[in-house]
C-alpha atoms as a PDB file:
ATOM      1  CA  UNK A   1      66.771   6.278  13.060  1.00  0.00           C
ATOM      2  CA  UNK A   2      64.775   5.717   9.706  1.00  0.00           C
ATOM      3  CA  UNK A   3      65.984   3.573   7.005  1.00  0.00           C
ATOM      4  CA  UNK A   4      67.417   5.093   4.122  1.00  0.00           C
ATOM      5  CA  UNK A   5      66.275   4.653   0.708  1.00  0.00           C
ATOM      6  CA  UNK A   6      69.208   3.126  -0.937  1.00  0.00           C
ATOM      7  CA  UNK A   7      69.081   0.489   1.836  1.00  0.00           C
ATOM      8  CA  UNK A   8      65.467  -0.128   1.033  1.00  0.00           C
ATOM      9  CA  UNK A   9      65.458  -0.262  -2.721  1.00  0.00           C
ATOM     10  CA  UNK A  10      67.869  -2.707  -4.391  1.00  0.00           C
ATOM     11  CA  UNK A  11      70.247  -1.183  -6.868  1.00  0.00           C
ATOM     12  CA  UNK A  12      70.052  -1.706 -10.320  1.00  0.00           C
ATOM     13  CA  UNK A  13      73.366  -3.538 -10.828  1.00  0.00           C
ATOM     14  CA  UNK A  14      72.423  -5.741  -7.790  1.00  0.00           C
ATOM     15  CA  UNK A  15      69.110  -6.499  -9.668  1.00  0.00           C
ATOM     16  CA  UNK A  16      70.935  -7.602 -12.759  1.00  0.00           C
ATOM     17  CA  UNK A  17      73.784  -9.728 -10.801  1.00  0.00           C
ATOM     18  CA  UNK A  18      71.055 -11.661  -9.400  1.00  0.00           C
ATOM     19  CA  UNK A  19      68.946 -12.187 -12.778  1.00  0.00           C
ATOM     20  CA  UNK A  20      68.284 -15.353 -14.366  1.00  0.00           C
ATOM     21  CA  UNK A  21      70.121 -13.938 -17.476  1.00  0.00           C
ATOM     22  CA  UNK A  22      73.343 -13.341 -15.564  1.00  0.00           C
ATOM     23  CA  UNK A  23      73.193 -16.188 -13.697  1.00  0.00           C
ATOM     24  CA  UNK A  24      73.069 -18.529 -16.759  1.00  0.00           C
ATOM     25  CA  UNK A  25      75.715 -16.189 -18.260  1.00  0.00           C
ATOM     26  CA  UNK A  26      77.993 -17.028 -15.548  1.00  0.00           C
ATOM     27  CA  UNK A  27      77.288 -20.907 -15.375  1.00  0.00           C
ATOM     28  CA  UNK A  28      78.206 -21.021 -19.249  1.00  0.00           C
ATOM     29  CA  UNK A  29      81.503 -18.985 -18.497  1.00  0.00           C
ATOM     30  CA  UNK A  30      82.202 -21.282 -15.584  1.00  0.00           C
ATOM     31  CA  UNK A  31      81.619 -24.336 -17.777  1.00  0.00           C
ATOM     32  CA  UNK A  32      84.061 -23.030 -20.185  1.00  0.00           C
ATOM     33  CA  UNK A  33      86.682 -22.113 -17.542  1.00  0.00           C
ATOM     34  CA  UNK A  34      86.351 -25.719 -16.434  1.00  0.00           C
ATOM     35  CA  UNK A  35      86.676 -27.234 -19.760  1.00  0.00           C
ATOM     36  CA  UNK A  36      90.102 -25.316 -20.406  1.00  0.00           C
ATOM     37  CA  UNK A  37      91.458 -26.806 -17.014  1.00  0.00           C
ATOM     38  CA  UNK A  38      90.278 -30.286 -18.301  1.00  0.00           C
ATOM     39  CA  UNK A  39      91.247 -29.758 -22.215  1.00  0.00           C
ATOM     40  CA  UNK A  40      93.000 -26.536 -22.311  1.00  0.00           C
ATOM     41  CA  UNK A  41      91.524 -24.178 -24.611  1.00  0.00           C
ATOM     42  CA  UNK A  42      94.567 -22.212 -24.874  1.00  0.00           C
ATOM     43  CA  UNK A  43      95.351 -18.713 -25.014  1.00  0.00           C
ATOM     44  CA  UNK A  44      91.705 -17.601 -26.205  1.00  0.00           C
ATOM     45  CA  UNK A  45      89.997 -19.445 -23.228  1.00  0.00           C
ATOM     46  CA  UNK A  46      88.986 -15.553 -21.664  1.00  0.00           C
ATOM     47  CA  UNK A  47      87.601 -14.576 -24.974  1.00  0.00           C
ATOM     48  CA  UNK A  48      85.583 -17.959 -25.017  1.00  0.00           C
ATOM     49  CA  UNK A  49      84.319 -17.487 -21.464  1.00  0.00           C
ATOM     50  CA  UNK A  50      83.430 -13.844 -22.191  1.00  0.00           C
ATOM     51  CA  UNK A  51      81.226 -15.110 -25.392  1.00  0.00           C
ATOM     52  CA  UNK A  52      79.587 -17.883 -23.368  1.00  0.00           C
ATOM     53  CA  UNK A  53      78.784 -15.417 -20.631  1.00  0.00           C
ATOM     54  CA  UNK A  54      77.115 -12.963 -23.194  1.00  0.00           C
ATOM     55  CA  UNK A  55      75.373 -15.782 -25.090  1.00  0.00           C
ATOM     56  CA  UNK A  56      73.878 -16.842 -21.714  1.00  0.00           C
ATOM     57  CA  UNK A  57      72.532 -13.302 -21.026  1.00  0.00           C
ATOM     58  CA  UNK A  58      71.112 -12.512 -24.460  1.00  0.00           C
ATOM     59  CA  UNK A  59      69.379 -15.960 -24.819  1.00  0.00           C
ATOM     60  CA  UNK A  60      68.081 -16.112 -21.492  1.00  0.00           C
ATOM     61  CA  UNK A  61      64.186 -14.896 -21.710  1.00  0.00           C
ATOM     62  CA  UNK A  62      63.586 -11.909 -19.227  1.00  0.00           C
ATOM     63  CA  UNK A  63      61.019 -12.691 -16.755  1.00  0.00           C
ATOM     64  CA  UNK A  64      57.375 -11.821 -17.588  1.00  0.00           C
ATOM     65  CA  UNK A  65      56.479  -8.403 -16.541  1.00  0.00           C
ATOM     66  CA  UNK A  66      53.417  -8.040 -14.502  1.00  0.00           C
ATOM     67  CA  UNK A  67      50.564  -5.934 -16.365  1.00  0.00           C
ATOM     68  CA  UNK A  68      49.509  -2.827 -14.175  1.00  0.00           C
ATOM     69  CA  UNK A  69      45.922  -2.250 -14.224  1.00  0.00           C
ATOM     70  CA  UNK A  70      44.797   0.355 -16.250  1.00  0.00           C
ATOM     71  CA  UNK A  71      43.855   3.773 -14.575  1.00  0.00           C
ATOM     72  CA  UNK A  72      40.467   5.449 -15.962  1.00  0.00           C
ATOM     73  CA  UNK A  73      40.935   8.932 -16.800  1.00  0.00           C
ATOM     74  CA  UNK A  74      38.857  11.205 -14.376  1.00  0.00           C
ATOM     75  CA  UNK A  75      35.742  12.435 -15.841  1.00  0.00           C
ATOM     76  CA  UNK A  76      35.486  16.007 -17.377  1.00  0.00           C
ATOM     77  CA  UNK A  77      33.237  18.416 -15.078  1.00  0.00           C
ATOM     78  CA  UNK A  78      29.641  19.299 -16.327  1.00  0.00           C
ATOM     79  CA  UNK A  79      28.842  22.170 -18.874  1.00  0.00           C
ATOM     80  CA  UNK A  80      27.128  23.692 -15.457  1.00  0.00           C
ATOM     81  CA  UNK A  81      30.751  23.527 -13.701  1.00  0.00           C
ATOM     82  CA  UNK A  82      32.654  24.725 -16.604  1.00  0.00           C
ATOM     83  CA  UNK A  83      30.475  27.515 -16.895  1.00  0.00           C
ATOM     84  CA  UNK A  84      30.679  28.733 -13.580  1.00  0.00           C
ATOM     85  CA  UNK A  85      34.524  28.486 -13.794  1.00  0.00           C
ATOM     86  CA  UNK A  86      33.974  30.583 -16.754  1.00  0.00           C
ATOM     87  CA  UNK A  87      32.240  33.093 -14.938  1.00  0.00           C
ATOM     88  CA  UNK A  88      34.668  33.592 -12.290  1.00  0.00           C
ATOM     89  CA  UNK A  89      37.538  33.862 -14.885  1.00  0.00           C
ATOM     90  CA  UNK A  90      35.978  36.690 -16.650  1.00  0.00           C
ATOM     91  CA  UNK A  91      34.687  38.598 -13.624  1.00  0.00           C
ATOM     92  CA  UNK A  92      38.328  39.602 -12.885  1.00  0.00           C
ATOM     93  CA  UNK A  93      38.645  40.663 -16.450  1.00  0.00           C
ATOM     94  CA  UNK A  94      35.249  42.724 -16.531  1.00  0.00           C
ATOM     95  CA  UNK A  95      35.828  44.102 -12.991  1.00  0.00           C
ATOM     96  CA  UNK A  96      38.793  46.386 -14.191  1.00  0.00           C
ATOM     97  CA  UNK A  97      36.624  47.689 -17.006  1.00  0.00           C
ATOM     98  CA  UNK A  98      39.314  46.749 -19.638  1.00  0.00           C
ATOM     99  CA  UNK A  99      39.614  48.941 -22.853  1.00  0.00           C
ATOM    100  CA  UNK A 100      36.739  48.309 -25.444  1.00  0.00           C
ATOM    101  CA  UNK A 101      38.367  45.756 -27.855  1.00  0.00           C
ATOM    102  CA  UNK A 102      39.298  43.479 -25.039  1.00  0.00           C
ATOM    103  CA  UNK A 103      35.850  43.751 -23.435  1.00  0.00           C
ATOM    104  CA  UNK A 104      34.114  43.065 -26.807  1.00  0.00           C
ATOM    105  CA  UNK A 105      36.650  40.285 -27.808  1.00  0.00           C
ATOM    106  CA  UNK A 106      36.072  38.636 -24.148  1.00  0.00           C
ATOM    107  CA  UNK A 107      32.281  38.719 -24.793  1.00  0.00           C
ATOM    108  CA  UNK A 108      32.442  36.723 -28.078  1.00  0.00           C
ATOM    109  CA  UNK A 109      34.497  34.280 -26.401  1.00  0.00           C
ATOM    110  CA  UNK A 110      31.986  34.085 -23.605  1.00  0.00           C
ATOM    111  CA  UNK A 111      28.988  33.917 -25.739  1.00  0.00           C
ATOM    112  CA  UNK A 112      30.547  30.950 -28.009  1.00  0.00           C
ATOM    113  CA  UNK A 113      31.511  28.985 -25.208  1.00  0.00           C
ATOM    114  CA  UNK A 114      27.946  29.490 -23.078  1.00  0.00           C
ATOM    115  CA  UNK A 115      26.607  27.869 -26.373  1.00  0.00           C
ATOM    116  CA  UNK A 116      29.180  25.014 -26.221  1.00  0.00           C
ATOM    117  CA  UNK A 117      27.852  24.443 -22.426  1.00  0.00           C
ATOM    118  CA  UNK A 118      24.295  24.238 -23.071  1.00  0.00           C
ATOM    119  CA  UNK A 119      24.816  21.505 -25.829  1.00  0.00           C
ATOM    120  CA  UNK A 120      27.700  19.684 -23.497  1.00  0.00           C
ATOM    121  CA  UNK A 121      25.761  16.476 -23.755  1.00  0.00           C
ATOM    122  CA  UNK A 122      25.825  16.558 -27.204  1.00  0.00           C
ATOM    123  CA  UNK A 123      29.543  16.338 -26.956  1.00  0.00           C
ATOM    124  CA  UNK A 124      29.838  13.076 -25.034  1.00  0.00           C
ATOM    125  CA  UNK A 125      30.346  11.376 -28.588  1.00  0.00           C
ATOM    126  CA  UNK A 126      33.467  13.717 -29.170  1.00  0.00           C
ATOM    127  CA  UNK A 127      35.466  13.892 -25.937  1.00  0.00           C
ATOM    128  CA  UNK A 128      38.317  15.734 -27.788  1.00  0.00           C
ATOM    129  CA  UNK A 129      36.008  18.433 -28.275  1.00  0.00           C
ATOM    130  CA  UNK A 130      35.200  18.495 -24.524  1.00  0.00           C
ATOM    131  CA  UNK A 131      38.786  18.118 -23.712  1.00  0.00           C
ATOM    132  CA  UNK A 132      39.414  21.340 -25.718  1.00  0.00           C
ATOM    133  CA  UNK A 133      36.916  23.552 -24.031  1.00  0.00           C
ATOM    134  CA  UNK A 134      37.957  22.225 -20.673  1.00  0.00           C
ATOM    135  CA  UNK A 135      41.570  23.510 -21.698  1.00  0.00           C
ATOM    136  CA  UNK A 136      40.456  26.778 -22.788  1.00  0.00           C
ATOM    137  CA  UNK A 137      38.536  27.366 -19.584  1.00  0.00           C
ATOM    138  CA  UNK A 138      40.861  26.049 -16.865  1.00  0.00           C
ATOM    139  CA  UNK A 139      44.019  26.640 -18.290  1.00  0.00           C
ATOM    140  CA  UNK A 140      44.459  29.107 -21.074  1.00  0.00           C
ATOM    141  CA  UNK A 141      41.830  31.789 -20.426  1.00  0.00           C
ATOM    142  CA  UNK A 142      42.948  32.034 -16.802  1.00  0.00           C
ATOM    143  CA  UNK A 143      46.680  32.431 -17.789  1.00  0.00           C
ATOM    144  CA  UNK A 144      45.801  35.100 -20.555  1.00  0.00           C
ATOM    145  CA  UNK A 145      43.753  37.068 -18.163  1.00  0.00           C
ATOM    146  CA  UNK A 146      46.383  36.882 -15.506  1.00  0.00           C
ATOM    147  CA  UNK A 147      49.259  37.845 -17.524  1.00  0.00           C
ATOM    148  CA  UNK A 148      47.444  40.744 -18.983  1.00  0.00           C
ATOM    149  CA  UNK A 149      46.307  42.090 -15.485  1.00  0.00           C
ATOM    150  CA  UNK A 150      49.721  41.386 -14.021  1.00  0.00           C
ATOM    151  CA  UNK A 151      51.067  43.945 -16.279  1.00  0.00           C
ATOM    152  CA  UNK A 152      51.531  47.600 -15.221  1.00  0.00           C
ATOM    153  CA  UNK A 153      50.846  49.013 -18.747  1.00  0.00           C
ATOM    154  CA  UNK A 154      47.518  46.728 -19.053  1.00  0.00           C
ATOM    155  CA  UNK A 155      45.485  49.697 -20.321  1.00  0.00           C
ATOM    156  CA  UNK A 156      47.784  50.462 -22.994  1.00  0.00           C
ATOM    157  CA  UNK A 157      46.896  49.868 -26.669  1.00  0.00           C
ATOM    158  CA  UNK A 158      49.805  47.720 -27.320  1.00  0.00           C
ATOM    159  CA  UNK A 159      48.845  45.503 -24.506  1.00  0.00           C
ATOM    160  CA  UNK A 160      45.110  45.412 -25.423  1.00  0.00           C
ATOM    161  CA  UNK A 161      46.119  44.390 -28.918  1.00  0.00           C
ATOM    162  CA  UNK A 162      48.106  41.560 -27.804  1.00  0.00           C
ATOM    163  CA  UNK A 163      45.374  40.167 -25.298  1.00  0.00           C
ATOM    164  CA  UNK A 164      42.749  40.548 -27.670  1.00  0.00           C
ATOM    165  CA  UNK A 165      44.620  38.398 -30.297  1.00  0.00           C
ATOM    166  CA  UNK A 166      44.835  35.789 -27.528  1.00  0.00           C
ATOM    167  CA  UNK A 167      41.012  35.836 -26.907  1.00  0.00           C
ATOM    168  CA  UNK A 168      40.141  35.892 -30.446  1.00  0.00           C
ATOM    169  CA  UNK A 169      42.524  32.600 -30.785  1.00  0.00           C
ATOM    170  CA  UNK A 170      40.687  31.099 -27.882  1.00  0.00           C
ATOM    171  CA  UNK A 171      37.386  32.186 -29.717  1.00  0.00           C
ATOM    172  CA  UNK A 172      38.570  30.423 -32.895  1.00  0.00           C
ATOM    173  CA  UNK A 173      39.006  27.205 -31.107  1.00  0.00           C
ATOM    174  CA  UNK A 174      35.699  27.562 -29.288  1.00  0.00           C
ATOM    175  CA  UNK A 175      33.816  28.162 -32.406  1.00  0.00           C
ATOM    176  CA  UNK A 176      35.256  25.079 -34.239  1.00  0.00           C
ATOM    177  CA  UNK A 177      33.552  23.032 -31.558  1.00  0.00           C
ATOM    178  CA  UNK A 178      30.386  25.230 -31.855  1.00  0.00           C
ATOM    179  CA  UNK A 179      30.180  24.551 -35.460  1.00  0.00           C
ATOM    180  CA  UNK A 180      30.696  20.785 -34.951  1.00  0.00           C
ATOM    181  CA  UNK A 181      27.834  20.966 -32.683  1.00  0.00           C
ATOM    182  CA  UNK A 182      25.685  22.825 -35.147  1.00  0.00           C
ATOM    183  CA  UNK A 183      26.529  20.481 -38.091  1.00  0.00           C
ATOM    184  CA  UNK A 184      25.763  17.310 -36.191  1.00  0.00           C
ATOM    185  CA  UNK A 185      22.486  18.850 -35.228  1.00  0.00           C
ATOM    186  CA  UNK A 186      21.688  19.760 -38.820  1.00  0.00           C
ATOM    187  CA  UNK A 187      22.853  16.041 -40.056  1.00  0.00           C
ATOM    188  CA  UNK A 188      20.178  15.085 -37.228  1.00  0.00           C
ATOM    189  CA  UNK A 189      17.554  17.116 -38.877  1.00  0.00           C
ATOM    190  CA  UNK A 190      18.292  15.969 -42.180  1.00  0.00           C
ATOM    191  CA  UNK A 191      18.217  12.227 -41.150  1.00  0.00           C
ATOM    192  CA  UNK A 192      14.696  12.808 -39.345  1.00  0.00           C
ATOM    193  CA  UNK A 193      13.469  14.491 -42.827  1.00  0.00           C
ATOM    194  CA  UNK A 194      14.532  11.430 -44.726  1.00  0.00           C
ATOM    195  CA  UNK A 195      12.957   9.148 -42.336  1.00  0.00           C
ATOM    196  CA  UNK A 196       9.631  11.118 -42.506  1.00  0.00           C
ATOM    197  CA  UNK A 197       9.813  11.146 -46.285  1.00  0.00           C
ATOM    198  CA  UNK A 198      10.377   7.296 -46.132  1.00  0.00           C
ATOM    199  CA  UNK A 199       7.308   6.765 -43.918  1.00  0.00           C
ATOM    200  CA  UNK A 200       4.974   9.525 -45.055  1.00  0.00           C
ATOM    201  CA  UNK A 201       5.948  10.691 -48.255  1.00  0.00           C
ATOM    202  CA  UNK A 202       6.740  14.328 -49.038  1.00  0.00           C
ATOM    203  CA  UNK A 203       5.373  16.771 -46.468  1.00  0.00           C
ATOM    204  CA  UNK A 204       5.043  20.465 -46.764  1.00  0.00           C
ATOM    205  CA  UNK A 205       8.512  22.052 -45.556  1.00  0.00           C
ATOM    206  CA  UNK A 206      10.533  19.079 -45.891  1.00  0.00           C
ATOM    207  CA  UNK A 207      13.580  19.694 -48.174  1.00  0.00           C
ATOM    208  CA  UNK A 208      13.811  16.945 -51.041  1.00  0.00           C
ATOM    209  CA  UNK A 209      17.479  15.792 -51.143  1.00  0.00           C
END
């Protein structure tokens, strides 16, 4: 016969009853009752005893909490793994030969994401951008495609407009990450040009900033 959860785990009230806070409070209350017996505190003795118990509970420090070891977040998959996942997601959409606006927007999103995958290592210093791309590929895009294909009238203009708008939203989010990569590369080129000018002076083809 198995042991019930309630018998294995102490109740919250039992834990407080046996805590240092409650034991100190009860000790002070008992001391007040003893004083009442000896010197007679009058009809206010219950209030004095309750106040003493409360003071004991409030002023007794809580036991130190054990610090739980920090758990590191699992690493994000590589660009190659995300690219494979993207191909799997879009194949279910392309296989039904969707309306042209849907297919065009899906290809725009695909091209933007594949650019990011090729530069995936450049995003190691910006994990928030990697997380954005991961969410697009693993959460939002599969949900958009599944919801669209599950609709009986998915070929209707109205359904096409809705899913095209959703794909455009994802494309905009991915494009911001792509723009960040391009800006970072441009800054690296500019830094290199400045270094070369300092080392060798003006060279043909180097902008003077």
